[in-house]
Amino acid sequence: MKGEKFNVHMTEEVGGNTWYRGTLKGKTVWIHSSHLEQRTITKTSRVGQLKNNKVNISKTLDNNSKTVSTKPYMNSVYYIKQQAKQGSALYYLISTKPSSTEGTIGWVKSTDVKTYTHKHMNKKAKTFYLKGKGVAYNRAWGGTENLVYASLKSMKDEKFNVHMTETVGNNTWYRGTLKGKTVWIHSSHLK
């Protein structure tokens, strides 16, 4: 029954041991604390990319959860706004939107996804000019599936009107309008 949910409704101590009473498969039972793992779900703010197409994406954190094929989700950046600690394992809830309730795809082990911290800095308007190198994405720190412009070489010295600034890890990304499209460009490609 590894990974089964155990809903506790009473806790008692016998000697120095903690026992929990709850419902398991329709029966009321007592289980010693050493035989249980607690799941703690907390907020976070990260972005991530799946490491390979063999990663398991589970719809829920339950042991018998449905899994989702990884192939359609490769080479793209996902928002991570919720994490779950269960025993020694850490899981992230990946989403296509910066939300833990909208656009969610499923849970992945933290070891199966490359992540960075994600912080919204400000919405101050700024004007930059392209250096003529790099790429533009539809999400900060995008993957190949997030490409809007695969090369900015021909756009050297084009004006880039910024309306949002975010950091991904130690990198600064700017969102703005370029040739009528909303894109994210890394700070090193702008002047």
Protein backbone atom coordinates (compact mmCIF):
# COMPACT_ATOMS: atom_id res chain seq x y z
CA MET A 1 0.00 0.00 0.00
CA LYS A 2 3.01 2.28 -0.45
CA GLY A 3 1.90 5.78 -1.40
CA GLU A 4 -1.71 5.22 -0.28
CA LYS A 5 -3.43 8.16 1.38
CA PHE A 6 -4.12 7.76 5.11
CA ASN A 7 -6.58 10.30 6.55
CA VAL A 8 -5.82 10.71 10.25
CA HIS A 9 -8.48 11.75 12.77
CA MET A 10 -6.76 10.90 16.08
CA THR A 11 -3.19 10.90 17.42
CA GLU A 12 -2.04 9.14 20.60
CA GLU A 13 1.26 8.52 22.33
CA VAL A 14 2.15 5.14 23.83
CA GLY A 15 5.39 5.38 25.81
CA GLY A 16 7.63 7.43 23.50
CA ASN A 17 5.85 6.26 20.36
CA THR A 18 3.31 8.18 18.30
CA TRP A 19 0.35 6.33 16.79
CA TYR A 20 -2.20 7.63 14.29
CA ARG A 21 -5.78 6.44 13.88
CA GLY A 22 -7.44 6.92 10.55
CA THR A 23 -9.22 5.39 7.62
CA LEU A 24 -7.43 3.08 5.19
CA LYS A 25 -9.34 1.27 2.44
CA GLY A 26 -12.61 1.82 4.34
CA LYS A 27 -11.35 0.45 7.66
CA THR A 28 -10.44 2.36 10.83
CA VAL A 29 -6.87 1.40 11.81
CA TRP A 30 -3.92 2.52 13.96
CA ILE A 31 -0.49 2.94 12.30
CA HIS A 32 2.84 3.75 13.98
CA SER A 33 4.38 7.08 12.95
CA SER A 34 7.55 5.39 11.64
CA HIS A 35 5.48 3.68 8.92
CA LEU A 36 4.06 6.91 7.50
CA GLU A 37 5.40 9.75 5.34
CA GLN A 38 3.93 13.19 5.61
CA ARG A 39 3.21 15.16 2.48
CA THR A 40 3.71 18.92 2.75
CA ILE A 41 2.57 21.15 -0.12
CA THR A 42 3.96 24.69 -0.23
CA LYS A 43 4.10 27.63 -2.61
CA THR A 44 7.20 28.31 -4.69
CA SER A 45 8.15 30.39 -7.71
CA ARG A 46 10.32 28.60 -10.25
CA VAL A 47 10.42 27.84 -13.95
CA GLY A 48 11.53 24.49 -15.32
CA GLN A 49 12.24 22.37 -18.36
CA LEU A 50 11.86 18.58 -18.44
CA LYS A 51 15.23 16.79 -18.67
CA ASN A 52 14.14 14.03 -21.07
CA ASN A 53 11.07 12.38 -22.60
CA LYS A 54 11.16 9.46 -20.12
CA VAL A 55 10.12 11.68 -17.20
CA ASN A 56 6.94 10.62 -15.38
CA ILE A 57 4.27 13.32 -15.15
CA SER A 58 1.50 12.33 -12.72
CA LYS A 59 -1.89 14.02 -12.60
CA THR A 60 -1.95 13.70 -8.79
CA LEU A 61 0.55 12.73 -6.08
CA ASP A 62 -1.33 9.52 -5.31
CA ASN A 63 0.42 6.21 -6.00
CA ASN A 64 -2.18 5.08 -8.55
CA SER A 65 -2.33 8.43 -10.39
CA LYS A 66 -2.78 8.61 -14.15
CA THR A 67 0.39 9.59 -15.97
CA VAL A 68 0.70 11.97 -18.90
CA SER A 69 2.91 11.47 -21.94
CA THR A 70 6.01 13.66 -21.73
CA LYS A 71 6.57 14.03 -25.49
CA PRO A 72 4.21 17.00 -26.07
CA TYR A 73 5.86 18.85 -23.17
CA MET A 74 9.50 18.62 -24.20
CA ASN A 75 11.65 21.67 -25.09
CA SER A 76 9.36 24.17 -23.39
CA VAL A 77 9.46 26.16 -20.16
CA TYR A 78 6.85 25.60 -17.47
CA TYR A 79 5.84 27.58 -14.43
CA ILE A 80 6.18 25.96 -11.02
CA LYS A 81 4.08 27.63 -8.33
CA GLN A 82 3.62 24.65 -6.00
CA GLN A 83 5.93 21.98 -4.59
CA ALA A 84 5.31 18.89 -2.48
CA LYS A 85 7.71 17.23 -0.04
CA GLN A 86 6.91 13.58 0.60
CA GLY A 87 9.46 11.66 2.65
CA SER A 88 12.82 12.52 1.09
CA ALA A 89 11.34 13.24 -2.37
CA LEU A 90 10.46 16.68 -3.70
CA TYR A 91 7.85 17.12 -6.47
CA TYR A 92 6.94 20.14 -8.61
CA LEU A 93 3.57 20.94 -10.16
CA ILE A 94 4.28 22.14 -13.72
CA SER A 95 1.91 24.51 -15.48
CA THR A 96 1.59 26.39 -18.77
CA LYS A 97 0.44 29.45 -16.80
CA PRO A 98 1.97 31.17 -13.77
CA SER A 99 -0.61 29.48 -11.54
CA SER A 100 -1.04 26.39 -9.36
CA THR A 101 -4.67 26.01 -10.47
CA GLU A 102 -4.80 27.09 -14.15
CA GLY A 103 -2.91 25.39 -16.97
CA THR A 104 -1.55 22.64 -14.71
CA ILE A 105 -0.11 19.57 -16.41
CA GLY A 106 0.95 17.41 -13.48
CA TRP A 107 3.56 16.58 -10.85
CA VAL A 108 7.18 15.66 -11.63
CA LYS A 109 10.07 14.67 -9.39
CA SER A 110 12.43 17.58 -8.82
CA THR A 111 15.31 15.42 -10.13
CA ASP A 112 13.52 15.08 -13.51
CA VAL A 113 13.26 18.80 -14.24
CA LYS A 114 15.89 21.53 -14.53
CA THR A 115 14.64 24.57 -12.61
CA TYR A 116 15.58 28.10 -11.62
CA THR A 117 14.00 30.58 -9.26
CA HIS A 118 11.51 32.88 -10.98
CA LYS A 119 10.81 36.42 -9.75
CA HIS A 120 8.66 39.19 -11.13
CA MET A 121 10.70 42.38 -10.79
CA ASN A 122 8.51 45.18 -12.16
CA LYS A 123 6.26 46.46 -14.92
CA LYS A 124 8.22 49.65 -15.59
CA ALA A 125 8.39 50.75 -19.21
CA LYS A 126 11.92 50.70 -20.65
CA THR A 127 13.37 51.09 -24.11
CA PHE A 128 16.21 48.91 -25.36
CA TYR A 129 17.82 48.24 -28.73
CA LEU A 130 18.74 44.80 -30.05
CA LYS A 131 22.42 43.89 -30.34
CA GLY A 132 21.69 41.61 -33.30
CA LYS A 133 22.35 38.34 -31.46
CA GLY A 134 20.31 35.82 -29.52
CA VAL A 135 16.70 34.69 -29.83
CA ALA A 136 13.24 35.74 -28.61
CA TYR A 137 10.82 33.46 -26.74
CA ASN A 138 7.17 33.52 -25.68
CA ARG A 139 8.33 32.74 -22.09
CA ALA A 140 11.39 33.80 -20.13
CA TRP A 141 14.23 31.22 -20.48
CA GLY A 142 12.32 29.49 -23.27
CA GLY A 143 13.02 26.19 -24.95
CA THR A 144 12.90 25.48 -28.68
CA GLU A 145 9.09 25.12 -28.50
CA ASN A 146 8.92 28.66 -27.07
CA LEU A 147 10.83 30.33 -29.93
CA VAL A 148 9.16 33.32 -31.54
CA TYR A 149 12.27 34.56 -33.39
CA ALA A 150 15.03 31.95 -33.85
CA SER A 151 17.56 34.68 -34.64
CA LEU A 152 17.71 38.39 -33.86
CA LYS A 153 20.70 38.94 -36.17
CA SER A 154 18.71 40.75 -38.88
CA MET A 155 17.05 42.96 -36.25
CA LYS A 156 20.22 44.67 -35.01
CA ASP A 157 19.45 48.14 -33.59
CA GLU A 158 15.66 47.51 -33.67
CA LYS A 159 13.79 49.25 -30.87
CA PHE A 160 12.42 46.99 -28.11
CA ASN A 161 9.76 48.53 -25.85
CA VAL A 162 9.78 46.65 -22.56
CA HIS A 163 6.77 46.44 -20.24
CA MET A 164 7.86 43.70 -17.79
CA THR A 165 11.09 42.55 -16.13
CA GLU A 166 11.66 39.15 -14.48
CA THR A 167 14.60 37.12 -13.25
CA VAL A 168 15.21 33.44 -13.88
CA GLY A 169 17.97 32.33 -11.54
CA ASN A 170 20.61 35.07 -11.84
CA ASN A 171 19.51 36.10 -15.35
CA THR A 172 17.34 39.11 -16.21
CA TRP A 173 14.68 38.77 -18.90
CA TYR A 174 12.62 41.53 -20.50
CA ARG A 175 9.16 41.18 -22.02
CA GLY A 176 8.12 43.62 -24.66
CA THR A 177 6.84 44.13 -28.18
CA LEU A 178 9.00 43.36 -31.21
CA LYS A 179 7.56 43.59 -34.72
CA GLY A 180 4.03 43.36 -33.30
CA LYS A 181 4.70 40.24 -31.19
CA THR A 182 5.08 39.99 -27.42
CA VAL A 183 8.41 38.30 -26.67
CA TRP A 184 10.99 37.68 -23.94
CA ILE A 185 14.63 38.57 -24.60
CA HIS A 186 17.64 37.96 -22.35
CA SER A 187 19.30 41.13 -21.03
CA SER A 188 22.66 40.23 -22.63
CA HIS A 189 21.11 40.64 -26.10
CA LEU A 190 19.95 44.20 -25.45
CA LYS A 191 21.56 47.61 -25.10
